[in-house]
Amino acid sequence: AALDGLQPRSAALHYEVDAFRTIRQSFGVTSAMYAHAFPHDLSELGSRWRQRLKESMSEGASGSFFYRVLSSARGDTAGPSSRFIVKQITEREKRTLMAMLPAYLSYVQSRRGRSLIQYFGCH
């Protein structure tokens, strides 16, 4: 795909881009599918997208916020963008994820993309 070799273009920090790209590919999620599931800039989008994001937000037991990325297509509940859940993490959780990432990448590749837990990125 055209996006597979590109670095992300956004104001967000992107950690271990190549490792997460490989993980996503192992699960059958292309760079285009992943990129199109999220806006480049919330301020550029209308109130419809912000309302969809707000309606999908909840606070977990840990106090972290979870966002369910809703499908942009009507009635497309099985589409790729409907399966992403974004979790707000602490700096400590980020360090833990980065420390385990090499082992997780190896595990996902050895299982050919079959895993109950699926980490697709850290931004």
C-alpha atoms as a PDB file:
ATOM      1  CA  ALA A   1       0.000   0.000   0.000  1.00  0.00           C
ATOM      2  CA  ALA A   2       1.087   3.558  -0.610  1.00  0.00           C
ATOM      3  CA  LEU A   3       1.243   4.437   3.109  1.00  0.00           C
ATOM      4  CA  ASP A   4       3.290   1.440   4.225  1.00  0.00           C
ATOM      5  CA  GLY A   5       6.688   3.062   3.774  1.00  0.00           C
ATOM      6  CA  LEU A   6       5.781   6.526   4.987  1.00  0.00           C
ATOM      7  CA  GLN A   7       6.341   8.137   8.354  1.00  0.00           C
ATOM      8  CA  PRO A   8       3.209   9.561  10.018  1.00  0.00           C
ATOM      9  CA  ARG A   9       2.373  13.242   9.469  1.00  0.00           C
ATOM     10  CA  SER A  10       0.652  14.678  12.534  1.00  0.00           C
ATOM     11  CA  ALA A  11       1.316  16.703  15.647  1.00  0.00           C
ATOM     12  CA  ALA A  12       1.080  13.576  17.820  1.00  0.00           C
ATOM     13  CA  LEU A  13       4.172  11.721  18.936  1.00  0.00           C
ATOM     14  CA  HIS A  14       4.424   8.280  17.366  1.00  0.00           C
ATOM     15  CA  TYR A  15       6.467   5.621  19.157  1.00  0.00           C
ATOM     16  CA  GLU A  16       8.130   2.633  17.466  1.00  0.00           C
ATOM     17  CA  VAL A  17       6.415   3.306  14.151  1.00  0.00           C
ATOM     18  CA  ASP A  18       8.035   0.426  12.258  1.00  0.00           C
ATOM     19  CA  ALA A  19       7.377  -2.170  14.971  1.00  0.00           C
ATOM     20  CA  PHE A  20       3.704  -1.220  15.270  1.00  0.00           C
ATOM     21  CA  ARG A  21       3.322  -1.142  11.470  1.00  0.00           C
ATOM     22  CA  THR A  22       4.643  -4.717  11.335  1.00  0.00           C
ATOM     23  CA  ILE A  23       2.259  -5.751  14.119  1.00  0.00           C
ATOM     24  CA  ARG A  24      -0.723  -4.186  12.346  1.00  0.00           C
ATOM     25  CA  GLN A  25       0.234  -5.915   9.098  1.00  0.00           C
ATOM     26  CA  SER A  26       0.392  -9.242  10.955  1.00  0.00           C
ATOM     27  CA  PHE A  27      -3.224  -8.694  11.996  1.00  0.00           C
ATOM     28  CA  GLY A  28      -4.266  -7.698   8.472  1.00  0.00           C
ATOM     29  CA  VAL A  29      -4.601  -3.987   9.229  1.00  0.00           C
ATOM     30  CA  THR A  30      -3.034  -1.885   6.498  1.00  0.00           C
ATOM     31  CA  SER A  31      -1.472   1.492   7.117  1.00  0.00           C
ATOM     32  CA  ALA A  32      -4.289   3.078   5.119  1.00  0.00           C
ATOM     33  CA  MET A  33      -6.981   1.380   7.229  1.00  0.00           C
ATOM     34  CA  TYR A  34      -5.302   2.536  10.426  1.00  0.00           C
ATOM     35  CA  ALA A  35      -4.627   6.080   9.227  1.00  0.00           C
ATOM     36  CA  HIS A  36      -8.138   6.617   7.884  1.00  0.00           C
ATOM     37  CA  ALA A  37      -9.723   5.487  11.156  1.00  0.00           C
ATOM     38  CA  PHE A  38      -8.408   8.602  12.907  1.00  0.00           C
ATOM     39  CA  PRO A  39      -8.571  12.280  11.941  1.00  0.00           C
ATOM     40  CA  HIS A  40      -5.384  14.185  11.216  1.00  0.00           C
ATOM     41  CA  ASP A  41      -6.643  17.137  13.241  1.00  0.00           C
ATOM     42  CA  LEU A  42      -9.900  17.298  15.211  1.00  0.00           C
ATOM     43  CA  SER A  43     -10.174  21.036  14.589  1.00  0.00           C
ATOM     44  CA  GLU A  44     -10.431  20.409  10.831  1.00  0.00           C
ATOM     45  CA  LEU A  45     -13.448  18.171  11.235  1.00  0.00           C
ATOM     46  CA  GLY A  46     -17.045  19.106  11.740  1.00  0.00           C
ATOM     47  CA  SER A  47     -19.077  18.628  14.870  1.00  0.00           C
ATOM     48  CA  ARG A  48     -20.319  15.248  13.591  1.00  0.00           C
ATOM     49  CA  TRP A  49     -16.944  13.540  14.104  1.00  0.00           C
ATOM     50  CA  ARG A  50     -16.390  15.212  17.486  1.00  0.00           C
ATOM     51  CA  GLN A  51     -19.879  14.113  18.576  1.00  0.00           C
ATOM     52  CA  ARG A  52     -19.158  10.529  17.504  1.00  0.00           C
ATOM     53  CA  LEU A  53     -15.913  10.584  19.492  1.00  0.00           C
ATOM     54  CA  LYS A  54     -17.613  12.057  22.555  1.00  0.00           C
ATOM     55  CA  GLU A  55     -20.364   9.434  22.467  1.00  0.00           C
ATOM     56  CA  SER A  56     -17.796   6.665  22.356  1.00  0.00           C
ATOM     57  CA  MET A  57     -15.766   7.857  25.350  1.00  0.00           C
ATOM     58  CA  SER A  58     -15.864   6.185  28.760  1.00  0.00           C
ATOM     59  CA  GLU A  59     -13.748   6.166  31.876  1.00  0.00           C
ATOM     60  CA  GLY A  60     -12.338   2.827  32.982  1.00  0.00           C
ATOM     61  CA  ALA A  61     -11.767   1.600  36.529  1.00  0.00           C
ATOM     62  CA  SER A  62      -8.160   2.820  36.350  1.00  0.00           C
ATOM     63  CA  GLY A  63      -9.285   6.376  35.636  1.00  0.00           C
ATOM     64  CA  SER A  64      -7.981   6.176  32.066  1.00  0.00           C
ATOM     65  CA  PHE A  65     -10.270   7.159  29.230  1.00  0.00           C
ATOM     66  CA  PHE A  66     -11.224   4.723  26.492  1.00  0.00           C
ATOM     67  CA  TYR A  67     -12.378   5.845  23.059  1.00  0.00           C
ATOM     68  CA  ARG A  68     -14.107   3.502  20.641  1.00  0.00           C
ATOM     69  CA  VAL A  69     -13.379   4.554  17.086  1.00  0.00           C
ATOM     70  CA  LEU A  70     -16.725   4.371  15.347  1.00  0.00           C
ATOM     71  CA  SER A  71     -17.029   3.298  11.761  1.00  0.00           C
ATOM     72  CA  SER A  72     -17.446   6.147   9.313  1.00  0.00           C
ATOM     73  CA  ALA A  73     -19.733   4.126   7.056  1.00  0.00           C
ATOM     74  CA  ARG A  74     -23.379   3.801   8.027  1.00  0.00           C
ATOM     75  CA  GLY A  75     -24.287   0.336   9.186  1.00  0.00           C
ATOM     76  CA  ASP A  76     -20.693  -0.859   8.845  1.00  0.00           C
ATOM     77  CA  THR A  77     -20.309  -2.402  12.288  1.00  0.00           C
ATOM     78  CA  ALA A  78     -17.863  -5.025  11.085  1.00  0.00           C
ATOM     79  CA  GLY A  79     -15.612  -2.614   9.240  1.00  0.00           C
ATOM     80  CA  PRO A  80     -11.969  -2.206  10.215  1.00  0.00           C
ATOM     81  CA  SER A  81     -12.409   1.209  11.836  1.00  0.00           C
ATOM     82  CA  SER A  82     -15.130  -0.057  14.162  1.00  0.00           C
ATOM     83  CA  ARG A  83     -12.750  -2.389  15.928  1.00  0.00           C
ATOM     84  CA  PHE A  84     -10.259   0.124  17.314  1.00  0.00           C
ATOM     85  CA  ILE A  85     -10.339   1.076  20.969  1.00  0.00           C
ATOM     86  CA  VAL A  86      -7.986   3.821  22.087  1.00  0.00           C
ATOM     87  CA  LYS A  87      -6.833   3.869  25.697  1.00  0.00           C
ATOM     88  CA  GLN A  88      -5.276   6.843  27.406  1.00  0.00           C
ATOM     89  CA  ILE A  89      -2.177   5.564  29.212  1.00  0.00           C
ATOM     90  CA  THR A  90       0.169   6.898  31.843  1.00  0.00           C
ATOM     91  CA  GLU A  91       3.873   7.474  31.287  1.00  0.00           C
ATOM     92  CA  ARG A  92       4.548   4.344  33.340  1.00  0.00           C
ATOM     93  CA  GLU A  93       2.219   2.257  31.158  1.00  0.00           C
ATOM     94  CA  LYS A  94       3.944   3.636  28.055  1.00  0.00           C
ATOM     95  CA  ARG A  95       7.364   2.619  29.399  1.00  0.00           C
ATOM     96  CA  THR A  96       6.015  -0.866  30.147  1.00  0.00           C
ATOM     97  CA  LEU A  97       4.545  -1.181  26.644  1.00  0.00           C
ATOM     98  CA  MET A  98       7.796  -0.022  25.040  1.00  0.00           C
ATOM     99  CA  ALA A  99       9.811  -2.471  27.178  1.00  0.00           C
ATOM    100  CA  MET A 100       7.644  -5.445  26.185  1.00  0.00           C
ATOM    101  CA  LEU A 101       7.245  -4.397  22.531  1.00  0.00           C
ATOM    102  CA  PRO A 102      10.115  -6.480  21.085  1.00  0.00           C
ATOM    103  CA  ALA A 103       8.780  -9.650  22.740  1.00  0.00           C
ATOM    104  CA  TYR A 104       5.200  -8.800  21.732  1.00  0.00           C
ATOM    105  CA  LEU A 105       6.262  -8.211  18.116  1.00  0.00           C
ATOM    106  CA  SER A 106       8.039 -11.571  18.062  1.00  0.00           C
ATOM    107  CA  TYR A 107       5.002 -13.282  19.624  1.00  0.00           C
ATOM    108  CA  VAL A 108       2.558 -11.767  17.124  1.00  0.00           C
ATOM    109  CA  GLN A 109       4.756 -12.742  14.190  1.00  0.00           C
ATOM    110  CA  SER A 110       5.193 -16.301  15.472  1.00  0.00           C
ATOM    111  CA  ARG A 111       1.403 -16.613  15.859  1.00  0.00           C
ATOM    112  CA  ARG A 112       0.794 -15.075  12.407  1.00  0.00           C
ATOM    113  CA  GLY A 113      -1.447 -12.348  13.779  1.00  0.00           C
ATOM    114  CA  ARG A 114      -3.515 -14.481  16.115  1.00  0.00           C
ATOM    115  CA  SER A 115      -3.688 -12.951  19.578  1.00  0.00           C
ATOM    116  CA  LEU A 116      -6.464 -11.884  21.899  1.00  0.00           C
ATOM    117  CA  ILE A 117      -4.574  -8.716  22.850  1.00  0.00           C
ATOM    118  CA  GLN A 118      -3.813  -6.421  19.924  1.00  0.00           C
ATOM    119  CA  TYR A 119      -1.673  -3.309  20.382  1.00  0.00           C
ATOM    120  CA  PHE A 120      -1.633  -1.380  17.102  1.00  0.00           C
ATOM    121  CA  GLY A 121       0.217   1.782  18.092  1.00  0.00           C
ATOM    122  CA  CYS A 122       1.379   4.154  20.772  1.00  0.00           C
ATOM    123  CA  HIS A 123       0.819   7.847  20.095  1.00  0.00           C
END
